[in-house]
Amino acid sequence: MEIKGKVAIVTGGSRGIGRATAIMLAEKGAKVALIYKSSTEKAQEVEEIIKGKGRVCKIYKCDVSNYAEVEKVVSQIANDLGSINILVNNAGIAIKENFVETREETWDKTIDINLKGMFNMCRFIVPQMLKHGGGKIVNVSSLAGRNGGTLGVPYAASKAGAIGLTEALASEFTPKGILVNAVAPGPVYTDLLSNLPEEAIRNLEKLSPVGRFAYPEEIAHAIVFLIENDYVSGEVVNINAGRYMN
């Protein structure tokens, strides 16, 4: 797919991987709809960066775990920018708790945002893609969805679910022109790590074969590759410097 001129939605677009992806897609000529939940200031910063490059970006406040809100915002984006060609499901949270101390609230909130949020976005965007000849979907999973990770059981379960969602959607919709893939990064330098002590971060860095975490832009490059490629579907691209291989 040539990205230039396409309409791309990026959830969780005000920070980290979403921010880097939104900017990269805009640089390639996409009209970017940036969805965020809480930080209007950060979302506006990304919007200004993209517009400063002479590209198109509009920001939308939406809780992706809320079915009705997602239905409304997807309709609004289509009205504002045109038919949706690209979806990057990046919105996510991580609440680290020991399993025996994990609250039901933590489980519900994590699954709702990290997994149900992906379902909600796909539920309302896939029909549009089918109507307009196809599209590309990339879901942001995690190394934790492969090996359990270090951010708790709810997070790992949500990211494993994202892989299942990706493969099921790809199986059903690839023959209809919608290619669906996922990326599964290891630790990335984003604010999801901000609740970890500095010593814990240094210890985690030592687990990487290259001695550091990924930068958001390195994940964004893989996402853009999956969007531009017209033959890859149903794949989960591991991005962890060789820490996990399958």
Protein backbone atom coordinates (compact mmCIF):
# COMPACT_ATOMS: atom_id res chain seq x y z
CA MET A 1 0.00 0.00 0.00
CA GLU A 2 1.22 3.45 -0.82
CA ILE A 3 0.69 5.46 2.35
CA LYS A 4 0.53 8.87 0.66
CA GLY A 5 -3.03 10.20 0.66
CA LYS A 6 -4.39 7.41 2.88
CA VAL A 7 -6.36 7.99 6.09
CA ALA A 8 -4.63 6.43 9.10
CA ILE A 9 -5.96 6.10 12.63
CA VAL A 10 -3.44 5.68 15.44
CA THR A 11 -4.76 4.98 18.94
CA GLY A 12 -2.65 5.94 21.91
CA GLY A 13 -1.10 8.42 19.52
CA SER A 14 0.00 11.08 21.98
CA ARG A 15 3.00 9.20 23.37
CA GLY A 16 5.58 6.50 22.82
CA ILE A 17 5.09 4.09 19.93
CA GLY A 18 1.84 5.75 18.87
CA ARG A 19 3.44 9.17 18.70
CA ALA A 20 6.38 7.90 16.65
CA THR A 21 4.07 5.98 14.32
CA ALA A 22 1.71 8.91 13.78
CA ILE A 23 4.62 11.19 12.85
CA MET A 24 6.19 8.59 10.55
CA LEU A 25 2.91 7.92 8.73
CA ALA A 26 2.36 11.66 8.30
CA GLU A 27 5.86 12.06 6.89
CA LYS A 28 4.92 9.49 4.27
CA GLY A 29 1.85 11.52 3.34
CA ALA A 30 -0.96 9.93 5.36
CA LYS A 31 -3.80 11.98 6.77
CA VAL A 32 -3.50 11.07 10.44
CA ALA A 33 -6.34 10.77 12.94
CA LEU A 34 -4.71 10.64 16.36
CA ILE A 35 -6.81 9.14 19.14
CA TYR A 36 -5.91 9.85 22.76
CA LYS A 37 -7.63 9.40 26.10
CA SER A 38 -6.32 11.89 28.63
CA SER A 39 -3.46 14.20 27.68
CA THR A 40 -4.82 16.83 25.32
CA GLU A 41 -1.57 18.77 25.66
CA LYS A 42 0.57 15.85 24.45
CA ALA A 43 -1.85 15.11 21.61
CA GLN A 44 -1.73 18.75 20.52
CA GLU A 45 2.08 18.62 20.54
CA VAL A 46 2.03 15.73 18.06
CA GLU A 47 -0.58 17.52 15.96
CA GLU A 48 1.62 20.62 15.83
CA ILE A 49 4.70 18.59 14.84
CA ILE A 50 2.80 16.95 11.97
CA LYS A 51 1.21 20.18 10.78
CA GLY A 52 4.63 21.82 11.00
CA LYS A 53 5.77 19.33 8.38
CA GLY A 54 2.96 20.45 6.09
CA ARG A 55 0.92 17.30 6.72
CA VAL A 56 -2.62 16.61 7.88
CA CYS A 57 -3.46 15.62 11.45
CA LYS A 58 -6.59 15.83 13.56
CA ILE A 59 -6.84 14.74 17.19
CA TYR A 60 -9.79 12.98 18.81
CA LYS A 61 -10.37 12.29 22.49
CA CYS A 62 -11.84 8.82 22.96
CA ASP A 63 -11.82 5.96 25.46
CA VAL A 64 -11.21 2.98 23.17
CA SER A 65 -12.70 0.62 25.76
CA ASN A 66 -16.06 2.36 25.37
CA TYR A 67 -17.99 0.76 22.48
CA ALA A 68 -20.32 3.72 21.94
CA GLU A 69 -17.51 6.28 22.04
CA VAL A 70 -15.52 4.32 19.46
CA GLU A 71 -18.51 4.03 17.13
CA LYS A 72 -18.99 7.79 17.34
CA VAL A 73 -15.34 8.75 16.84
CA VAL A 74 -14.83 6.40 13.87
CA SER A 75 -17.86 7.95 12.17
CA GLN A 76 -16.52 11.44 12.90
CA ILE A 77 -13.08 10.62 11.50
CA ALA A 78 -14.59 9.26 8.29
CA ASN A 79 -16.66 12.43 7.93
CA ASP A 80 -13.63 14.66 8.57
CA LEU A 81 -10.92 12.88 6.59
CA GLY A 82 -12.56 10.32 4.34
CA SER A 83 -12.69 6.53 4.23
CA ILE A 84 -10.28 4.85 6.65
CA ASN A 85 -7.46 2.84 5.08
CA ILE A 86 -5.08 2.18 7.98
CA LEU A 87 -5.59 1.33 11.64
CA VAL A 88 -2.81 1.09 14.21
CA ASN A 89 -4.14 -0.23 17.52
CA ASN A 90 -1.56 1.01 19.99
CA ALA A 91 -3.51 2.25 23.03
CA GLY A 92 -2.53 0.34 26.14
CA ILE A 93 -1.80 0.42 29.85
CA ALA A 94 0.32 -1.60 32.25
CA ILE A 95 -0.46 -1.84 35.97
CA LYS A 96 2.18 -3.97 37.64
CA GLU A 97 0.90 -6.02 40.58
CA ASN A 98 1.93 -9.39 41.98
CA PHE A 99 -0.64 -11.95 40.86
CA VAL A 100 -1.84 -12.87 44.37
CA GLU A 101 -2.41 -9.16 45.00
CA THR A 102 -3.97 -8.37 41.63
CA ARG A 103 -7.31 -6.60 42.01
CA GLU A 104 -10.31 -7.37 39.84
CA GLU A 105 -10.28 -3.70 38.87
CA THR A 106 -6.75 -4.07 37.49
CA TRP A 107 -7.70 -7.11 35.42
CA ASP A 108 -10.86 -5.48 34.03
CA LYS A 109 -9.22 -2.15 33.19
CA THR A 110 -6.22 -3.78 31.50
CA ILE A 111 -8.28 -6.16 29.39
CA ASP A 112 -10.79 -3.42 28.54
CA ILE A 113 -8.19 -1.00 27.18
CA ASN A 114 -5.55 -3.35 25.79
CA LEU A 115 -7.80 -5.98 24.19
CA LYS A 116 -11.40 -4.83 24.11
CA GLY A 117 -10.15 -1.49 22.79
CA MET A 118 -8.62 -3.26 19.79
CA PHE A 119 -11.85 -5.18 19.22
CA ASN A 120 -13.92 -2.01 19.39
CA MET A 121 -11.76 -0.18 16.87
CA CYS A 122 -11.74 -3.12 14.47
CA ARG A 123 -15.47 -3.67 14.91
CA PHE A 124 -16.29 -0.27 13.41
CA ILE A 125 -13.37 0.18 11.00
CA VAL A 126 -13.42 -3.24 9.28
CA PRO A 127 -16.88 -2.62 7.74
CA GLN A 128 -15.58 0.65 6.27
CA MET A 129 -12.51 -1.09 4.87
CA LEU A 130 -14.66 -3.81 3.33
CA LYS A 131 -16.87 -1.18 1.73
CA HIS A 132 -13.91 0.68 0.23
CA GLY A 133 -11.81 -2.21 -1.03
CA GLY A 134 -9.60 -3.20 1.89
CA GLY A 135 -7.03 -1.79 4.27
CA LYS A 136 -4.25 -2.47 6.73
CA ILE A 137 -4.48 -3.14 10.47
CA VAL A 138 -1.49 -3.40 12.79
CA ASN A 139 -2.02 -4.32 16.43
CA VAL A 140 0.64 -3.54 19.01
CA SER A 141 1.12 -6.63 21.16
CA SER A 142 4.19 -7.30 23.30
CA LEU A 143 6.94 -9.73 24.16
CA ALA A 144 4.83 -10.29 27.28
CA GLY A 145 2.16 -11.84 25.06
CA ARG A 146 4.72 -14.46 24.07
CA ASN A 147 6.59 -15.24 27.28
CA GLY A 148 4.63 -13.66 30.15
CA GLY A 149 6.93 -10.69 30.56
CA THR A 150 7.48 -8.70 33.74
CA LEU A 151 4.49 -6.35 33.83
CA GLY A 152 1.97 -8.68 35.43
CA VAL A 153 -0.56 -11.32 34.45
CA PRO A 154 -3.35 -8.99 33.21
CA TYR A 155 -0.94 -7.22 30.86
CA ALA A 156 0.50 -10.47 29.50
CA ALA A 157 -2.98 -11.94 29.03
CA SER A 158 -4.20 -8.85 27.19
CA LYS A 159 -1.22 -8.88 24.84
CA ALA A 160 -1.56 -12.61 24.17
CA GLY A 161 -5.20 -11.92 23.37
CA ALA A 162 -4.09 -9.26 20.89
CA ILE A 163 -2.13 -11.94 19.03
CA GLY A 164 -5.18 -14.20 18.89
CA LEU A 165 -7.32 -11.30 17.68
CA THR A 166 -4.77 -10.50 14.98
CA GLU A 167 -4.62 -14.05 13.67
CA ALA A 168 -8.40 -14.54 13.71
CA LEU A 169 -9.01 -11.27 11.86
CA ALA A 170 -6.30 -12.08 9.31
CA SER A 171 -7.80 -15.52 8.69
CA GLU A 172 -11.24 -14.06 8.02
CA PHE A 173 -10.45 -10.85 6.19
CA THR A 174 -7.21 -11.27 4.24
CA PRO A 175 -9.14 -12.86 1.33
CA LYS A 176 -11.32 -9.74 1.38
CA GLY A 177 -8.44 -7.30 1.09
CA ILE A 178 -7.78 -6.43 4.73
CA LEU A 179 -4.30 -7.45 5.85
CA VAL A 180 -3.90 -7.75 9.61
CA ASN A 181 -0.62 -8.10 11.50
CA ALA A 182 0.89 -7.40 14.89
CA VAL A 183 4.17 -6.27 16.34
CA ALA A 184 5.42 -7.70 19.63
CA PRO A 185 8.07 -5.38 21.06
CA GLY A 186 10.23 -6.11 24.03
CA PRO A 187 10.70 -3.24 26.49
CA VAL A 188 10.56 0.18 24.86
CA TYR A 189 11.62 3.54 26.23
CA THR A 190 8.10 4.90 26.85
CA ASP A 191 6.18 6.22 29.84
CA LEU A 192 4.75 2.73 30.47
CA LEU A 193 8.05 2.14 32.26
CA SER A 194 7.76 5.29 34.36
CA ASN A 195 6.30 3.41 37.33
CA LEU A 196 9.38 1.18 37.56
CA PRO A 197 12.32 2.09 39.81
CA GLU A 198 15.53 3.14 38.03
CA GLU A 199 17.32 0.02 39.30
CA ALA A 200 14.60 -2.22 37.86
CA ILE A 201 14.94 -0.53 34.47
CA ARG A 202 18.72 -1.01 34.49
CA ASN A 203 18.28 -4.69 35.38
CA LEU A 204 15.76 -5.15 32.55
CA GLU A 205 18.13 -3.50 30.10
CA LYS A 206 20.73 -6.14 30.95
CA LEU A 207 18.33 -8.85 29.74
CA SER A 208 18.49 -7.47 26.21
CA PRO A 209 21.17 -8.98 23.96
CA VAL A 210 22.09 -5.43 22.93
CA GLY A 211 21.99 -3.99 26.45
CA ARG A 212 19.17 -1.51 25.95
CA PHE A 213 15.46 -1.15 25.26
CA ALA A 214 14.02 -0.26 21.87
CA TYR A 215 13.29 3.30 20.88
CA PRO A 216 9.70 4.04 19.79
CA GLU A 217 10.87 4.90 16.28
CA GLU A 218 12.33 1.41 15.87
CA ILE A 219 8.89 -0.08 16.50
CA ALA A 220 7.24 2.49 14.24
CA HIS A 221 9.51 1.44 11.35
CA ALA A 222 8.22 -2.13 11.64
CA ILE A 223 4.61 -0.94 11.75
CA VAL A 224 5.13 1.14 8.60
CA PHE A 225 6.74 -1.84 6.87
CA LEU A 226 3.66 -3.97 7.59
CA ILE A 227 1.42 -1.25 6.20
CA GLU A 228 3.42 -0.81 3.02
CA ASN A 229 3.83 -4.53 2.33
CA ASP A 230 0.94 -6.13 0.43
CA TYR A 231 1.75 -9.78 1.03
CA VAL A 232 2.28 -10.12 4.78
CA SER A 233 -0.81 -10.97 6.84
CA GLY A 234 -1.46 -12.89 10.04
CA GLU A 235 2.09 -12.36 11.25
CA VAL A 236 3.45 -11.27 14.61
CA VAL A 237 6.75 -9.46 14.20
CA ASN A 238 8.97 -9.87 17.25
CA ILE A 239 11.08 -6.78 17.94
CA ASN A 240 13.26 -7.55 20.91
CA ALA A 241 16.88 -7.73 19.65
CA GLY A 242 16.80 -11.52 19.67
CA ARG A 243 15.69 -11.96 23.27
CA TYR A 244 12.76 -14.07 22.12
CA MET A 245 12.70 -16.16 18.96
CA ASN A 246 10.10 -18.56 17.60
